[in-house]
C-alpha atoms as a PDB file:
ATOM      1  CA  MET A   1     165.709 107.135  52.719  1.00  0.00           C
ATOM      2  CA  LYS A   2     163.774 104.828  50.682  1.00  0.00           C
ATOM      3  CA  LYS A   3     162.092 103.106  54.368  1.00  0.00           C
ATOM      4  CA  ARG A   4     161.361 106.491  55.186  1.00  0.00           C
ATOM      5  CA  LEU A   5     159.652 107.339  52.213  1.00  0.00           C
ATOM      6  CA  LEU A   6     157.661 104.249  52.602  1.00  0.00           C
ATOM      7  CA  LYS A   7     156.447 104.814  55.550  1.00  0.00           C
ATOM      8  CA  THR A   8     155.241 108.305  55.074  1.00  0.00           C
ATOM      9  CA  LEU A   9     153.325 106.841  51.711  1.00  0.00           C
ATOM     10  CA  CYS A  10     151.836 104.230  54.145  1.00  0.00           C
ATOM     11  CA  SER A  11     150.866 106.738  56.803  1.00  0.00           C
ATOM     12  CA  LEU A  12     149.168 108.838  54.093  1.00  0.00           C
ATOM     13  CA  ILE A  13     147.390 106.230  52.573  1.00  0.00           C
ATOM     14  CA  ILE A  14     145.958 105.349  56.234  1.00  0.00           C
ATOM     15  CA  ILE A  15     145.176 108.929  56.923  1.00  0.00           C
ATOM     16  CA  GLY A  16     143.282 109.083  53.501  1.00  0.00           C
ATOM     17  CA  SER A  17     141.400 105.686  54.306  1.00  0.00           C
ATOM     18  CA  ILE A  18     140.512 107.210  57.840  1.00  0.00           C
ATOM     19  CA  GLY A  19     139.322 110.380  56.337  1.00  0.00           C
ATOM     20  CA  ILE A  20     137.103 108.565  53.817  1.00  0.00           C
ATOM     21  CA  LEU A  21     135.527 106.382  56.609  1.00  0.00           C
ATOM     22  CA  ILE A  22     134.926 109.336  59.044  1.00  0.00           C
ATOM     23  CA  SER A  23     133.959 111.964  56.383  1.00  0.00           C
ATOM     24  CA  PHE A  24     130.731 112.544  57.953  1.00  0.00           C
ATOM     25  CA  SER A  25     131.499 111.942  61.844  1.00  0.00           C
ATOM     26  CA  ALA A  26     132.037 114.837  64.427  1.00  0.00           C
ATOM     27  CA  ILE A  27     135.418 113.214  65.251  1.00  0.00           C
ATOM     28  CA  ARG A  28     136.903 113.909  61.687  1.00  0.00           C
ATOM     29  CA  ASP A  29     138.346 117.393  62.395  1.00  0.00           C
ATOM     30  CA  LYS A  30     140.206 115.695  65.491  1.00  0.00           C
ATOM     31  CA  VAL A  31     141.664 113.091  63.427  1.00  0.00           C
ATOM     32  CA  GLU A  32     142.712 115.492  60.765  1.00  0.00           C
ATOM     33  CA  MET A  33     144.379 117.905  63.491  1.00  0.00           C
ATOM     34  CA  VAL A  34     146.684 115.044  64.550  1.00  0.00           C
ATOM     35  CA  CYS A  35     147.525 113.883  60.924  1.00  0.00           C
ATOM     36  CA  TYR A  36     148.286 117.690  60.039  1.00  0.00           C
ATOM     37  CA  ASP A  37     150.828 117.731  63.313  1.00  0.00           C
ATOM     38  CA  LEU A  38     152.399 114.461  62.230  1.00  0.00           C
ATOM     39  CA  PHE A  39     153.674 115.657  58.743  1.00  0.00           C
ATOM     40  CA  ASN A  40     153.888 119.479  59.317  1.00  0.00           C
ATOM     41  CA  LYS A  41     155.722 121.977  61.491  1.00  0.00           C
ATOM     42  CA  ASN A  42     153.228 123.747  63.895  1.00  0.00           C
ATOM     43  CA  ASP A  43     154.925 125.995  66.206  1.00  0.00           C
ATOM     44  CA  TYR A  44     152.930 127.801  69.160  1.00  0.00           C
ATOM     45  CA  ILE A  45     152.230 131.375  67.648  1.00  0.00           C
ATOM     46  CA  ASP A  46     153.047 133.915  70.646  1.00  0.00           C
ATOM     47  CA  ASN A  47     153.941 137.131  68.341  1.00  0.00           C
ATOM     48  CA  LYS A  48     152.286 139.562  65.727  1.00  0.00           C
ATOM     49  CA  ALA A  49     155.113 138.717  63.270  1.00  0.00           C
ATOM     50  CA  ALA A  50     154.349 135.129  63.318  1.00  0.00           C
ATOM     51  CA  ILE A  51     150.532 135.787  62.935  1.00  0.00           C
ATOM     52  CA  GLN A  52     151.244 138.413  59.855  1.00  0.00           C
ATOM     53  CA  ASN A  53     153.617 135.771  58.309  1.00  0.00           C
ATOM     54  CA  LEU A  54     150.821 132.905  58.419  1.00  0.00           C
ATOM     55  CA  LEU A  55     148.212 135.560  56.810  1.00  0.00           C
ATOM     56  CA  ALA A  56     150.654 136.639  54.165  1.00  0.00           C
ATOM     57  CA  SER A  57     151.116 132.825  53.277  1.00  0.00           C
ATOM     58  CA  PHE A  58     147.507 133.026  51.922  1.00  0.00           C
ATOM     59  CA  LYS A  59     146.208 134.661  48.684  1.00  0.00           C
ATOM     60  CA  THR A  60     143.273 137.121  49.378  1.00  0.00           C
ATOM     61  CA  VAL A  61     140.266 137.906  47.422  1.00  0.00           C
ATOM     62  CA  SER A  62     137.328 140.312  47.768  1.00  0.00           C
ATOM     63  CA  LEU A  63     133.622 139.462  48.053  1.00  0.00           C
ATOM     64  CA  ASP A  64     132.976 140.003  44.463  1.00  0.00           C
ATOM     65  CA  ASP A  65     135.722 137.264  43.611  1.00  0.00           C
ATOM     66  CA  LEU A  66     134.040 134.471  45.396  1.00  0.00           C
ATOM     67  CA  PRO A  67     132.220 131.819  43.605  1.00  0.00           C
ATOM     68  CA  LYS A  68     128.700 132.844  42.938  1.00  0.00           C
ATOM     69  CA  GLU A  69     127.317 129.712  44.173  1.00  0.00           C
ATOM     70  CA  TYR A  70     129.285 130.353  47.597  1.00  0.00           C
ATOM     71  CA  LEU A  71     127.865 133.740  47.966  1.00  0.00           C
ATOM     72  CA  SER A  72     124.432 132.421  47.323  1.00  0.00           C
ATOM     73  CA  GLU A  73     124.785 129.660  49.679  1.00  0.00           C
ATOM     74  CA  SER A  74     126.498 131.551  52.680  1.00  0.00           C
ATOM     75  CA  GLN A  75     124.354 134.762  52.084  1.00  0.00           C
ATOM     76  CA  LEU A  76     127.576 136.942  51.830  1.00  0.00           C
ATOM     77  CA  ASN A  77     125.768 138.818  49.322  1.00  0.00           C
ATOM     78  CA  HIS A  78     122.661 138.842  50.478  1.00  0.00           C
ATOM     79  CA  SER A  79     121.102 142.662  50.631  1.00  0.00           C
ATOM     80  CA  SER A  80     120.596 142.275  54.396  1.00  0.00           C
ATOM     81  CA  TYR A  81     124.348 141.726  55.051  1.00  0.00           C
ATOM     82  CA  LEU A  82     126.218 144.152  52.490  1.00  0.00           C
ATOM     83  CA  SER A  83     127.128 146.823  55.000  1.00  0.00           C
ATOM     84  CA  LEU A  84     128.854 144.150  57.116  1.00  0.00           C
ATOM     85  CA  THR A  85     130.372 141.918  54.019  1.00  0.00           C
ATOM     86  CA  LYS A  86     131.246 144.893  51.742  1.00  0.00           C
ATOM     87  CA  GLY A  87     135.189 145.384  51.721  1.00  0.00           C
ATOM     88  CA  ILE A  88     135.976 142.487  53.508  1.00  0.00           C
ATOM     89  CA  ARG A  89     139.083 140.585  52.255  1.00  0.00           C
ATOM     90  CA  PHE A  90     138.911 136.673  52.479  1.00  0.00           C
ATOM     91  CA  TYR A  91     141.998 134.510  52.968  1.00  0.00           C
ATOM     92  CA  VAL A  92     141.801 131.467  50.570  1.00  0.00           C
ATOM     93  CA  LEU A  93     142.766 128.332  52.298  1.00  0.00           C
ATOM     94  CA  LYS A  94     142.512 124.656  51.621  1.00  0.00           C
ATOM     95  CA  LYS A  95     140.998 122.236  54.421  1.00  0.00           C
ATOM     96  CA  LYS A  96     144.512 121.108  55.598  1.00  0.00           C
ATOM     97  CA  ASP A  97     145.330 124.846  56.191  1.00  0.00           C
ATOM     98  CA  CYS A  98     142.635 125.022  58.650  1.00  0.00           C
ATOM     99  CA  TYR A  99     144.664 123.172  61.173  1.00  0.00           C
ATOM    100  CA  LYS A 100     147.721 125.633  61.378  1.00  0.00           C
ATOM    101  CA  LYS A 101     148.257 127.478  64.607  1.00  0.00           C
ATOM    102  CA  VAL A 102     147.242 131.244  64.503  1.00  0.00           C
ATOM    103  CA  ILE A 103     147.283 132.363  68.343  1.00  0.00           C
ATOM    104  CA  GLY A 104     148.972 130.082  71.027  1.00  0.00           C
ATOM    105  CA  ASN A 105     147.487 126.752  70.195  1.00  0.00           C
ATOM    106  CA  ASN A 106     144.290 127.770  68.510  1.00  0.00           C
ATOM    107  CA  ARG A 107     143.912 126.906  65.077  1.00  0.00           C
ATOM    108  CA  ILE A 108     142.489 128.463  62.016  1.00  0.00           C
ATOM    109  CA  LYS A 109     139.744 125.950  62.279  1.00  0.00           C
ATOM    110  CA  ASP A 110     138.546 127.254  65.702  1.00  0.00           C
ATOM    111  CA  LEU A 111     138.190 130.752  63.892  1.00  0.00           C
ATOM    112  CA  ILE A 112     136.453 130.026  60.378  1.00  0.00           C
ATOM    113  CA  SER A 113     133.106 129.526  59.663  1.00  0.00           C
ATOM    114  CA  LYS A 114     131.818 125.895  60.279  1.00  0.00           C
ATOM    115  CA  ASP A 115     129.380 126.396  57.198  1.00  0.00           C
ATOM    116  CA  ASN A 116     128.368 123.612  54.880  1.00  0.00           C
ATOM    117  CA  ARG A 117     131.080 124.285  52.426  1.00  0.00           C
ATOM    118  CA  TYR A 118     133.777 123.382  55.456  1.00  0.00           C
ATOM    119  CA  LYS A 119     131.728 120.743  56.767  1.00  0.00           C
ATOM    120  CA  ASN A 120     131.939 118.717  53.082  1.00  0.00           C
ATOM    121  CA  LEU A 121     135.482 118.899  52.893  1.00  0.00           C
ATOM    122  CA  TRP A 122     138.055 116.566  54.110  1.00  0.00           C
ATOM    123  CA  TYR A 123     142.094 116.734  54.766  1.00  0.00           C
ATOM    124  CA  PHE A 124     143.072 116.213  51.005  1.00  0.00           C
ATOM    125  CA  SER A 125     140.282 118.501  49.386  1.00  0.00           C
ATOM    126  CA  ASP A 126     141.716 120.936  46.736  1.00  0.00           C
ATOM    127  CA  GLN A 127     138.526 123.001  46.958  1.00  0.00           C
ATOM    128  CA  GLU A 128     139.013 126.633  48.375  1.00  0.00           C
ATOM    129  CA  LEU A 129     137.520 127.993  51.673  1.00  0.00           C
ATOM    130  CA  TYR A 130     137.605 131.489  52.361  1.00  0.00           C
ATOM    131  CA  TRP A 131     138.173 132.773  55.769  1.00  0.00           C
ATOM    132  CA  GLY A 132     137.282 136.649  56.398  1.00  0.00           C
ATOM    133  CA  ILE A 133     138.663 137.728  59.515  1.00  0.00           C
ATOM    134  CA  ASP A 134     140.022 141.221  60.647  1.00  0.00           C
ATOM    135  CA  GLN A 135     143.850 140.577  61.660  1.00  0.00           C
ATOM    136  CA  ARG A 136     143.210 143.573  64.664  1.00  0.00           C
ATOM    137  CA  VAL A 137     141.032 141.138  66.646  1.00  0.00           C
ATOM    138  CA  LEU A 138     143.683 138.311  66.447  1.00  0.00           C
ATOM    139  CA  PHE A 139     146.110 140.821  67.690  1.00  0.00           C
ATOM    140  CA  LYS A 140     143.552 141.570  70.453  1.00  0.00           C
ATOM    141  CA  ALA A 141     143.715 137.972  71.326  1.00  0.00           C
ATOM    142  CA  LEU A 142     147.341 137.795  71.417  1.00  0.00           C
ATOM    143  CA  GLU A 143     147.545 140.894  73.830  1.00  0.00           C
ATOM    144  CA  LEU A 144     145.162 138.925  76.144  1.00  0.00           C
ATOM    145  CA  GLN A 145     147.318 136.054  76.119  1.00  0.00           C
ATOM    146  CA  GLU A 146     150.425 138.113  76.774  1.00  0.00           C
ATOM    147  CA  ALA A 147     148.659 140.092  79.396  1.00  0.00           C
ATOM    148  CA  LEU A 148     147.743 136.765  81.531  1.00  0.00           C
ATOM    149  CA  LYS A 149     151.483 135.559  80.739  1.00  0.00           C
ATOM    150  CA  GLN A 150     152.658 139.013  82.467  1.00  0.00           C
ATOM    151  CA  LEU A 151     150.809 138.210  85.424  1.00  0.00           C
ATOM    152  CA  LYS A 152     151.885 134.353  85.659  1.00  0.00           C
ATOM    153  CA  LEU A 153     148.545 133.506  84.742  1.00  0.00           C
ATOM    154  CA  ASN A 154     147.596 130.483  82.138  1.00  0.00           C
ATOM    155  CA  GLN A 155     147.364 132.274  78.907  1.00  0.00           C
ATOM    156  CA  ASP A 156     146.255 128.972  77.520  1.00  0.00           C
ATOM    157  CA  ALA A 157     143.371 128.762  79.595  1.00  0.00           C
ATOM    158  CA  ILE A 158     141.337 130.668  76.896  1.00  0.00           C
ATOM    159  CA  GLN A 159     140.014 128.909  73.770  1.00  0.00           C
ATOM    160  CA  ILE A 160     138.854 130.587  71.011  1.00  0.00           C
ATOM    161  CA  THR A 161     135.470 128.929  69.881  1.00  0.00           C
ATOM    162  CA  SER A 162     134.482 131.123  67.177  1.00  0.00           C
ATOM    163  CA  GLY A 163     135.926 133.840  64.685  1.00  0.00           C
ATOM    164  CA  HIS A 164     134.301 134.838  61.428  1.00  0.00           C
ATOM    165  CA  ARG A 165     130.901 133.679  60.439  1.00  0.00           C
ATOM    166  CA  THR A 166     129.287 133.539  57.233  1.00  0.00           C
ATOM    167  CA  PRO A 167     125.614 135.062  57.569  1.00  0.00           C
ATOM    168  CA  GLN A 168     124.156 131.265  56.957  1.00  0.00           C
ATOM    169  CA  GLN A 169     126.370 130.221  60.008  1.00  0.00           C
ATOM    170  CA  ASN A 170     125.544 133.047  61.876  1.00  0.00           C
ATOM    171  CA  LYS A 171     121.831 132.528  61.545  1.00  0.00           C
ATOM    172  CA  LEU A 172     122.424 128.825  62.774  1.00  0.00           C
ATOM    173  CA  VAL A 173     124.286 129.659  65.858  1.00  0.00           C
ATOM    174  CA  ASN A 174     121.594 132.402  66.889  1.00  0.00           C
ATOM    175  CA  GLY A 175     124.001 134.939  66.248  1.00  0.00           C
ATOM    176  CA  ALA A 176     122.629 138.712  66.523  1.00  0.00           C
ATOM    177  CA  SER A 177     121.638 139.850  63.140  1.00  0.00           C
ATOM    178  CA  LYS A 178     124.364 142.417  62.652  1.00  0.00           C
ATOM    179  CA  SER A 179     126.725 140.604  64.537  1.00  0.00           C
ATOM    180  CA  ARG A 180     130.539 141.713  64.059  1.00  0.00           C
ATOM    181  CA  HIS A 181     131.332 137.912  63.380  1.00  0.00           C
ATOM    182  CA  ILE A 182     130.141 138.327  60.159  1.00  0.00           C
ATOM    183  CA  LYS A 183     132.430 141.102  59.480  1.00  0.00           C
ATOM    184  CA  GLY A 184     135.372 139.081  60.777  1.00  0.00           C
ATOM    185  CA  GLN A 185     135.779 141.395  63.728  1.00  0.00           C
ATOM    186  CA  ALA A 186     134.899 139.152  66.681  1.00  0.00           C
ATOM    187  CA  LEU A 187     136.232 136.314  68.545  1.00  0.00           C
ATOM    188  CA  ASP A 188     134.429 134.282  71.028  1.00  0.00           C
ATOM    189  CA  PHE A 189     136.462 132.528  74.015  1.00  0.00           C
ATOM    190  CA  TRP A 190     135.491 129.551  76.828  1.00  0.00           C
ATOM    191  CA  ILE A 191     137.429 130.487  79.505  1.00  0.00           C
ATOM    192  CA  GLY A 192     139.230 127.950  81.591  1.00  0.00           C
ATOM    193  CA  ASP A 193     141.540 127.687  84.454  1.00  0.00           C
ATOM    194  CA  VAL A 194     143.176 131.144  84.241  1.00  0.00           C
ATOM    195  CA  ASN A 195     144.333 131.328  87.747  1.00  0.00           C
ATOM    196  CA  LYS A 196     145.988 127.886  88.010  1.00  0.00           C
ATOM    197  CA  ASP A 197     143.879 126.800  90.930  1.00  0.00           C
ATOM    198  CA  GLY A 198     143.027 123.384  89.473  1.00  0.00           C
ATOM    199  CA  LYS A 199     139.289 124.465  88.543  1.00  0.00           C
ATOM    200  CA  TYR A 200     137.492 126.905  86.047  1.00  0.00           C
ATOM    201  CA  THR A 201     135.007 129.388  87.745  1.00  0.00           C
ATOM    202  CA  SER A 202     133.486 132.790  87.662  1.00  0.00           C
ATOM    203  CA  GLU A 203     136.994 133.893  88.982  1.00  0.00           C
ATOM    204  CA  ASP A 204     138.788 132.833  86.170  1.00  0.00           C
ATOM    205  CA  LYS A 205     136.354 134.586  83.860  1.00  0.00           C
ATOM    206  CA  ALA A 206     136.086 137.921  85.906  1.00  0.00           C
ATOM    207  CA  ILE A 207     139.991 138.079  85.550  1.00  0.00           C
ATOM    208  CA  VAL A 208     139.794 138.034  81.758  1.00  0.00           C
ATOM    209  CA  LEU A 209     136.762 140.248  81.640  1.00  0.00           C
ATOM    210  CA  GLU A 210     138.558 142.926  83.459  1.00  0.00           C
ATOM    211  CA  LEU A 211     141.555 142.658  81.303  1.00  0.00           C
ATOM    212  CA  CYS A 212     139.444 142.898  78.403  1.00  0.00           C
ATOM    213  CA  ASP A 213     137.661 146.209  79.788  1.00  0.00           C
ATOM    214  CA  LYS A 214     140.542 147.991  81.303  1.00  0.00           C
ATOM    215  CA  LYS A 215     143.458 147.071  79.035  1.00  0.00           C
ATOM    216  CA  ILE A 216     142.658 144.860  75.846  1.00  0.00           C
ATOM    217  CA  ILE A 217     139.273 146.423  74.493  1.00  0.00           C
ATOM    218  CA  GLY A 218     138.639 149.308  76.429  1.00  0.00           C
ATOM    219  CA  ASN A 219     136.435 152.105  74.505  1.00  0.00           C
ATOM    220  CA  LYS A 220     137.596 150.757  71.047  1.00  0.00           C
ATOM    221  CA  GLY A 221     135.143 147.723  70.837  1.00  0.00           C
ATOM    222  CA  GLY A 222     132.924 145.547  72.198  1.00  0.00           C
ATOM    223  CA  ILE A 223     132.686 142.826  75.036  1.00  0.00           C
ATOM    224  CA  GLY A 224     129.989 140.233  75.499  1.00  0.00           C
ATOM    225  CA  LEU A 225     129.556 139.563  79.509  1.00  0.00           C
ATOM    226  CA  TYR A 226     127.693 136.488  79.074  1.00  0.00           C
ATOM    227  CA  PRO A 227     126.727 135.946  82.998  1.00  0.00           C
ATOM    228  CA  GLY A 228     126.393 132.490  84.381  1.00  0.00           C
ATOM    229  CA  THR A 229     128.725 130.868  81.319  1.00  0.00           C
ATOM    230  CA  GLN A 230     132.386 130.634  80.939  1.00  0.00           C
ATOM    231  CA  VAL A 231     132.111 132.480  77.514  1.00  0.00           C
ATOM    232  CA  VAL A 232     133.468 135.985  76.876  1.00  0.00           C
ATOM    233  CA  HIS A 233     133.169 137.941  73.198  1.00  0.00           C
ATOM    234  CA  ILE A 234     135.431 140.495  71.925  1.00  0.00           C
ATOM    235  CA  ASP A 235     135.246 142.788  69.114  1.00  0.00           C
ATOM    236  CA  VAL A 236     137.367 145.511  67.206  1.00  0.00           C
ATOM    237  CA  ARG A 237     134.335 147.688  66.130  1.00  0.00           C
ATOM    238  CA  GLY A 238     135.797 151.023  67.061  1.00  0.00           C
ATOM    239  CA  ARG A 239     133.514 152.015  69.682  1.00  0.00           C
ATOM    240  CA  ARG A 240     132.318 150.889  73.295  1.00  0.00           C
ATOM    241  CA  ALA A 241     129.793 148.214  73.725  1.00  0.00           C
ATOM    242  CA  ARG A 242     128.765 146.225  76.519  1.00  0.00           C
ATOM    243  CA  TRP A 243     126.015 143.586  76.860  1.00  0.00           C
ATOM    244  CA  ASN A 244     124.833 140.611  78.939  1.00  0.00           C
ATOM    245  CA  SER A 245     122.838 138.563  76.887  1.00  0.00           C
ATOM    246  CA  TYR A 246     123.407 136.276  73.488  1.00  0.00           C
END
């Protein structure tokens, strides 16, 4: 028991040292992700109950509860965005929580706003992060994975690249000024080898787009088609919307 405890302690010290050394590196998240999986149970998420249980493990706060300096920096309280940000409930996380799986093998880090607050924190930080995601869009991503699985296609070939974005982060990535990402109602996917033919092409993306259009989203939300790329956008705005350009 003592030997195991010592091994764990030494590992944590090494992780901490690595985290400090690469705290400003692009590979920090990858290292911290591996570290999280070493010391925590992190199962594949394939049902709504598991998503709900994960979300229920976090405290939630309103826009007015967020720190003033964060509201200002993130522009969440800017008058231009209040129609989008008003009413959002934010999940309160620590940095290490971001490595928890939330849909399939996709992790919270793939869906949280990568603004300055996120970038300046490392694994052991006690500072809070705020994730304004709408669980309905998480369920839609889960439905998409299940639909692919039922068709005996590769449900893990859809990688989530963006979820909730603060207005600050949305500007940095040149998102639409009224993007549903700001409201936490949208996801972007990168589409890989869905049909299992050993490569990713427009055929893989066409499968995903058809499922989203006919079954997953339909007339209840938006789909960004983005021809010439492997990217697909979905959202749960409550009405039909389709577009081609970013």
